[in-house]
Each structure stands twice: as structure tokens, then as C-alpha cells.
Amino acid sequence: MKTAYIGLILAGACLLTACKHQIEVVAPKDPIRIELAIRIDQEVRVKLEKDVESLIANNPDLF
């Protein structure tokens, strides 16, 4: 009787060791796209303001 239990335990252990978990890391086929909506207008405004100030200073009769 004990040998039957030992045989069942060994058979169960063999079956459990036969199960192998596999983790696979695969790179995506499509390229990764990162879309950014960035507004860069502050620098442009400062430059335009300086240009307008100098234009008005040099030509006071414009307006």
C-alpha cells in the first residue's frame, strides 16, 4: 500500500516537472510612435515684440 502511494507521488512529481512555463519577450512588429503636441510660440512672440518695439522706436510716425 505504501509503495502505491510512493509510486503515485513520484508519478505526480514527474508530471509536475514536465510542465514548463515559458515566458517570451518579443519586440513589436510596428514601430513605436510617440505623438507630442507641443506649442512653441512664446519665443516667437518675444522676438516679434522686440522687433516691433525697435521698429516703433525707430519710426515713431508709423501709427
PDB file of N, CA and C in Angstrom:
ATOM      1  N   MET A   1       0.818  -1.184   0.000  1.00  0.00           N
ATOM      2  CA  MET A   1       0.000   0.000   0.000  1.00  0.00           C
ATOM      3  C   MET A   1       0.867   1.255   0.000  1.00  0.00           C
ATOM      4  N   LYS A   2       1.924   1.254   0.834  1.00  0.00           N
ATOM      5  CA  LYS A   2       2.810   2.410   0.888  1.00  0.00           C
ATOM      6  C   LYS A   2       3.546   2.593  -0.430  1.00  0.00           C
ATOM      7  N   THR A   3       3.898   1.508  -1.076  1.00  0.00           N
ATOM      8  CA  THR A   3       4.604   1.628  -2.353  1.00  0.00           C
ATOM      9  C   THR A   3       3.696   2.211  -3.431  1.00  0.00           C
ATOM     10  N   ALA A   4       2.402   1.971  -3.324  1.00  0.00           N
ATOM     11  CA  ALA A   4       1.462   2.536  -4.299  1.00  0.00           C
ATOM     12  C   ALA A   4       1.406   4.054  -4.120  1.00  0.00           C
ATOM     13  N   TYR A   5       1.374   4.501  -2.866  1.00  0.00           N
ATOM     14  CA  TYR A   5       1.365   5.948  -2.605  1.00  0.00           C
ATOM     15  C   TYR A   5       2.671   6.602  -3.059  1.00  0.00           C
ATOM     16  N   ILE A   6       3.772   5.900  -2.793  1.00  0.00           N
ATOM     17  CA  ILE A   6       5.064   6.435  -3.211  1.00  0.00           C
ATOM     18  C   ILE A   6       5.122   6.489  -4.737  1.00  0.00           C
ATOM     19  N   GLY A   7       4.578   5.477  -5.398  1.00  0.00           N
ATOM     20  CA  GLY A   7       4.538   5.465  -6.862  1.00  0.00           C
ATOM     21  C   GLY A   7       3.678   6.599  -7.403  1.00  0.00           C
ATOM     22  N   LEU A   8       2.525   6.850  -6.771  1.00  0.00           N
ATOM     23  CA  LEU A   8       1.660   7.951  -7.182  1.00  0.00           C
ATOM     24  C   LEU A   8       2.339   9.300  -6.956  1.00  0.00           C
ATOM     25  N   ILE A   9       3.019   9.423  -5.848  1.00  0.00           N
ATOM     26  CA  ILE A   9       3.728  10.682  -5.556  1.00  0.00           C
ATOM     27  C   ILE A   9       4.842  10.908  -6.561  1.00  0.00           C
ATOM     28  N   LEU A  10       5.599   9.885  -6.877  1.00  0.00           N
ATOM     29  CA  LEU A  10       6.661  10.009  -7.872  1.00  0.00           C
ATOM     30  C   LEU A  10       6.095  10.306  -9.256  1.00  0.00           C
ATOM     31  N   ALA A  11       4.993   9.672  -9.614  1.00  0.00           N
ATOM     32  CA  ALA A  11       4.379   9.923 -10.916  1.00  0.00           C
ATOM     33  C   ALA A  11       3.868  11.370 -10.971  1.00  0.00           C
ATOM     34  N   GLY A  12       3.255  11.825  -9.876  1.00  0.00           N
ATOM     35  CA  GLY A  12       2.782  13.222  -9.824  1.00  0.00           C
ATOM     36  C   GLY A  12       3.939  14.201  -9.909  1.00  0.00           C
ATOM     37  N   ALA A  13       5.035  13.894  -9.233  1.00  0.00           N
ATOM     38  CA  ALA A  13       6.202  14.772  -9.283  1.00  0.00           C
ATOM     39  C   ALA A  13       6.779  14.806 -10.695  1.00  0.00           C
ATOM     40  N   CYS A  14       6.801  13.672 -11.364  1.00  0.00           N
ATOM     41  CA  CYS A  14       7.309  13.645 -12.738  1.00  0.00           C
ATOM     42  C   CYS A  14       6.418  14.456 -13.665  1.00  0.00           C
ATOM     43  N   LEU A  15       5.102  14.353 -13.465  1.00  0.00           N
ATOM     44  CA  LEU A  15       4.180  15.122 -14.298  1.00  0.00           C
ATOM     45  C   LEU A  15       4.324  16.624 -14.047  1.00  0.00           C
ATOM     46  N   LEU A  16       4.506  17.002 -12.799  1.00  0.00           N
ATOM     47  CA  LEU A  16       4.635  18.424 -12.474  1.00  0.00           C
ATOM     48  C   LEU A  16       5.938  19.011 -13.002  1.00  0.00           C
ATOM     49  N   THR A  17       6.990  18.215 -13.004  1.00  0.00           N
ATOM     50  CA  THR A  17       8.255  18.735 -13.534  1.00  0.00           C
ATOM     51  C   THR A  17       8.242  18.786 -15.055  1.00  0.00           C
ATOM     52  N   ALA A  18       7.347  18.034 -15.672  1.00  0.00           N
ATOM     53  CA  ALA A  18       7.251  18.061 -17.128  1.00  0.00           C
ATOM     54  C   ALA A  18       6.582  19.345 -17.610  1.00  0.00           C
ATOM     55  N   CYS A  19       5.752  19.963 -16.767  1.00  0.00           N
ATOM     56  CA  CYS A  19       5.108  21.227 -17.135  1.00  0.00           C
ATOM     57  C   CYS A  19       6.136  22.349 -17.035  1.00  0.00           C
ATOM     58  N   LYS A  20       6.385  22.977 -18.145  1.00  0.00           N
ATOM     59  CA  LYS A  20       7.399  24.026 -18.171  1.00  0.00           C
ATOM     60  C   LYS A  20       6.728  25.323 -18.613  1.00  0.00           C
ATOM     61  N   HIS A  21       6.809  26.322 -17.772  1.00  0.00           N
ATOM     62  CA  HIS A  21       6.260  27.626 -18.123  1.00  0.00           C
ATOM     63  C   HIS A  21       7.259  28.364 -18.992  1.00  0.00           C
ATOM     64  N   GLN A  22       6.755  29.007 -20.019  1.00  0.00           N
ATOM     65  CA  GLN A  22       7.635  29.716 -20.934  1.00  0.00           C
ATOM     66  C   GLN A  22       7.133  31.147 -21.079  1.00  0.00           C
ATOM     67  N   ILE A  23       8.002  32.076 -20.819  1.00  0.00           N
ATOM     68  CA  ILE A  23       7.699  33.493 -21.000  1.00  0.00           C
ATOM     69  C   ILE A  23       8.547  33.992 -22.152  1.00  0.00           C
ATOM     70  N   GLU A  24       7.889  34.645 -23.091  1.00  0.00           N
ATOM     71  CA  GLU A  24       8.596  35.075 -24.290  1.00  0.00           C
ATOM     72  C   GLU A  24       8.436  36.584 -24.444  1.00  0.00           C
ATOM     73  N   VAL A  25       9.539  37.264 -24.645  1.00  0.00           N
ATOM     74  CA  VAL A  25       9.524  38.704 -24.865  1.00  0.00           C
ATOM     75  C   VAL A  25       9.851  38.947 -26.335  1.00  0.00           C
ATOM     76  N   VAL A  26       8.900  39.569 -27.024  1.00  0.00           N
ATOM     77  CA  VAL A  26       9.052  39.778 -28.461  1.00  0.00           C
ATOM     78  C   VAL A  26       8.891  41.266 -28.741  1.00  0.00           C
ATOM     79  N   ALA A  27       9.763  41.804 -29.559  1.00  0.00           N
ATOM     80  CA  ALA A  27       9.663  43.211 -29.952  1.00  0.00           C
ATOM     81  C   ALA A  27       8.462  43.384 -30.879  1.00  0.00           C
ATOM     82  N   PRO A  28       7.793  44.537 -30.806  1.00  0.00           N
ATOM     83  CA  PRO A  28       6.643  44.742 -31.688  1.00  0.00           C
ATOM     84  C   PRO A  28       7.072  44.853 -33.150  1.00  0.00           C
ATOM     85  N   LYS A  29       6.178  44.440 -34.036  1.00  0.00           N
ATOM     86  CA  LYS A  29       6.488  44.484 -35.469  1.00  0.00           C
ATOM     87  C   LYS A  29       6.389  45.909 -36.005  1.00  0.00           C
ATOM     88  N   ASP A  30       5.419  46.669 -35.495  1.00  0.00           N
ATOM     89  CA  ASP A  30       5.253  48.062 -35.920  1.00  0.00           C
ATOM     90  C   ASP A  30       6.159  48.960 -35.087  1.00  0.00           C
ATOM     91  N   PRO A  31       6.653  50.046 -35.655  1.00  0.00           N
ATOM     92  CA  PRO A  31       7.480  50.962 -34.864  1.00  0.00           C
ATOM     93  C   PRO A  31       6.637  51.667 -33.804  1.00  0.00           C
ATOM     94  N   ILE A  32       7.266  52.032 -32.735  1.00  0.00           N
ATOM     95  CA  ILE A  32       6.583  52.742 -31.655  1.00  0.00           C
ATOM     96  C   ILE A  32       6.481  54.206 -32.043  1.00  0.00           C
ATOM     97  N   ARG A  33       5.255  54.747 -32.007  1.00  0.00           N
ATOM     98  CA  ARG A  33       5.035  56.143 -32.373  1.00  0.00           C
ATOM     99  C   ARG A  33       4.681  56.926 -31.123  1.00  0.00           C
ATOM    100  N   ILE A  34       5.365  58.023 -30.941  1.00  0.00           N
ATOM    101  CA  ILE A  34       5.068  58.928 -29.839  1.00  0.00           C
ATOM    102  C   ILE A  34       4.689  60.262 -30.448  1.00  0.00           C
ATOM    103  N   GLU A  35       3.433  60.628 -30.257  1.00  0.00           N
ATOM    104  CA  GLU A  35       2.958  61.884 -30.822  1.00  0.00           C
ATOM    105  C   GLU A  35       2.921  62.936 -29.713  1.00  0.00           C
ATOM    106  N   LEU A  36       3.586  64.041 -29.971  1.00  0.00           N
ATOM    107  CA  LEU A  36       3.628  65.115 -28.992  1.00  0.00           C
ATOM    108  C   LEU A  36       2.988  66.357 -29.593  1.00  0.00           C
ATOM    109  N   ALA A  37       2.123  66.961 -28.830  1.00  0.00           N
ATOM    110  CA  ALA A  37       1.516  68.214 -29.263  1.00  0.00           C
ATOM    111  C   ALA A  37       2.156  69.327 -28.430  1.00  0.00           C
ATOM    112  N   ILE A  38       3.193  69.911 -28.973  1.00  0.00           N
ATOM    113  CA  ILE A  38       3.939  70.942 -28.255  1.00  0.00           C
ATOM    114  C   ILE A  38       3.774  72.261 -28.991  1.00  0.00           C
ATOM    115  N   ARG A  39       3.444  73.267 -28.243  1.00  0.00           N
ATOM    116  CA  ARG A  39       3.318  74.594 -28.845  1.00  0.00           C
ATOM    117  C   ARG A  39       4.530  75.421 -28.435  1.00  0.00           C
ATOM    118  N   ILE A  40       5.230  75.906 -29.425  1.00  0.00           N
ATOM    119  CA  ILE A  40       6.395  76.744 -29.182  1.00  0.00           C
ATOM    120  C   ILE A  40       6.102  78.089 -29.826  1.00  0.00           C
ATOM    121  N   ASP A  41       5.407  78.929 -29.083  1.00  0.00           N
ATOM    122  CA  ASP A  41       5.117  80.245 -29.635  1.00  0.00           C
ATOM    123  C   ASP A  41       5.577  81.363 -28.712  1.00  0.00           C
ATOM    124  N   GLN A  42       5.984  81.047 -27.517  1.00  0.00           N
ATOM    125  CA  GLN A  42       6.415  82.076 -26.589  1.00  0.00           C
ATOM    126  C   GLN A  42       7.682  82.770 -27.109  1.00  0.00           C
ATOM    127  N   GLU A  43       8.623  82.003 -27.597  1.00  0.00           N
ATOM    128  CA  GLU A  43       9.865  82.574 -28.108  1.00  0.00           C
ATOM    129  C   GLU A  43       9.589  83.447 -29.325  1.00  0.00           C
ATOM    130  N   VAL A  44       8.702  83.007 -30.174  1.00  0.00           N
ATOM    131  CA  VAL A  44       8.366  83.772 -31.368  1.00  0.00           C
ATOM    132  C   VAL A  44       7.718  85.091 -30.987  1.00  0.00           C
ATOM    133  N   ARG A  45       6.831  85.063 -30.003  1.00  0.00           N
ATOM    134  CA  ARG A  45       6.174  86.293 -29.558  1.00  0.00           C
ATOM    135  C   ARG A  45       7.172  87.294 -28.993  1.00  0.00           C
ATOM    136  N   VAL A  46       8.106  86.818 -28.208  1.00  0.00           N
ATOM    137  CA  VAL A  46       9.107  87.714 -27.612  1.00  0.00           C
ATOM    138  C   VAL A  46       9.944  88.363 -28.711  1.00  0.00           C
ATOM    139  N   LYS A  47      10.350  87.585 -29.686  1.00  0.00           N
ATOM    140  CA  LYS A  47      11.141  88.147 -30.784  1.00  0.00           C
ATOM    141  C   LYS A  47      10.338  89.170 -31.572  1.00  0.00           C
ATOM    142  N   LEU A  48       9.071  88.847 -31.837  1.00  0.00           N
ATOM    143  CA  LEU A  48       8.235  89.793 -32.573  1.00  0.00           C
ATOM    144  C   LEU A  48       8.005  91.070 -31.772  1.00  0.00           C
ATOM    145  N   GLU A  49       7.785  90.925 -30.479  1.00  0.00           N
ATOM    146  CA  GLU A  49       7.579  92.107 -29.645  1.00  0.00           C
ATOM    147  C   GLU A  49       8.819  92.998 -29.646  1.00  0.00           C
ATOM    148  N   LYS A  50       9.990  92.408 -29.559  1.00  0.00           N
ATOM    149  CA  LYS A  50      11.221  93.201 -29.577  1.00  0.00           C
ATOM    150  C   LYS A  50      11.401  93.881 -30.929  1.00  0.00           C
ATOM    151  N   ASP A  51      11.091  93.149 -32.010  1.00  0.00           N
ATOM    152  CA  ASP A  51      11.202  93.740 -33.346  1.00  0.00           C
ATOM    153  C   ASP A  51      10.229  94.897 -33.522  1.00  0.00           C
ATOM    154  N   VAL A  52       9.013  94.726 -33.033  1.00  0.00           N
ATOM    155  CA  VAL A  52       8.003  95.781 -33.154  1.00  0.00           C
ATOM    156  C   VAL A  52       8.396  96.990 -32.307  1.00  0.00           C
ATOM    157  N   GLU A  53       8.895  96.748 -31.104  1.00  0.00           N
ATOM    158  CA  GLU A  53       9.328  97.860 -30.254  1.00  0.00           C
ATOM    159  C   GLU A  53      10.440  98.659 -30.926  1.00  0.00           C
ATOM    160  N   SER A  54      11.408  97.964 -31.500  1.00  0.00           N
ATOM    161  CA  SER A  54      12.505  98.686 -32.151  1.00  0.00           C
ATOM    162  C   SER A  54      12.009  99.397 -33.416  1.00  0.00           C
ATOM    163  N   LEU A  55      11.067  98.786 -34.121  1.00  0.00           N
ATOM    164  CA  LEU A  55      10.508  99.419 -35.320  1.00  0.00           C
ATOM    165  C   LEU A  55       9.749 100.698 -34.953  1.00  0.00           C
ATOM    166  N   ILE A  56       8.968 100.629 -33.887  1.00  0.00           N
ATOM    167  CA  ILE A  56       8.221 101.817 -33.448  1.00  0.00           C
ATOM    168  C   ILE A  56       9.176 102.881 -32.911  1.00  0.00           C
ATOM    169  N   ALA A  57      10.205 102.449 -32.200  1.00  0.00           N
ATOM    170  CA  ALA A  57      11.179 103.420 -31.650  1.00  0.00           C
ATOM    171  C   ALA A  57      11.915 104.120 -32.788  1.00  0.00           C
ATOM    172  N   ASN A  58      12.244 103.374 -33.843  1.00  0.00           N
ATOM    173  CA  ASN A  58      12.968 103.968 -34.968  1.00  0.00           C
ATOM    174  C   ASN A  58      12.061 104.780 -35.893  1.00  0.00           C
ATOM    175  N   ASN A  59      10.785 104.441 -35.946  1.00  0.00           N
ATOM    176  CA  ASN A  59       9.837 105.124 -36.819  1.00  0.00           C
ATOM    177  C   ASN A  59       8.599 105.533 -36.007  1.00  0.00           C
ATOM    178  N   PRO A  60       8.650 106.608 -35.261  1.00  0.00           N
ATOM    179  CA  PRO A  60       7.517 106.980 -34.412  1.00  0.00           C
ATOM    180  C   PRO A  60       6.309 107.442 -35.214  1.00  0.00           C
ATOM    181  N   ASP A  61       6.454 107.771 -36.475  1.00  0.00           N
ATOM    182  CA  ASP A  61       5.331 108.265 -37.282  1.00  0.00           C
ATOM    183  C   ASP A  61       4.565 107.138 -37.960  1.00  0.00           C
ATOM    184  N   LEU A  62       4.839 105.886 -37.656  1.00  0.00           N
ATOM    185  CA  LEU A  62       4.131 104.772 -38.293  1.00  0.00           C
ATOM    186  C   LEU A  62       2.643 104.737 -37.940  1.00  0.00           C
ATOM    187  N   PHE A  63       2.328 105.033 -36.674  1.00  0.00           N
ATOM    188  CA  PHE A  63       0.922 104.925 -36.249  1.00  0.00           C
ATOM    189  C   PHE A  63       0.349 106.287 -36.044  1.00  0.00           C
TER     190      PHE A  63
END
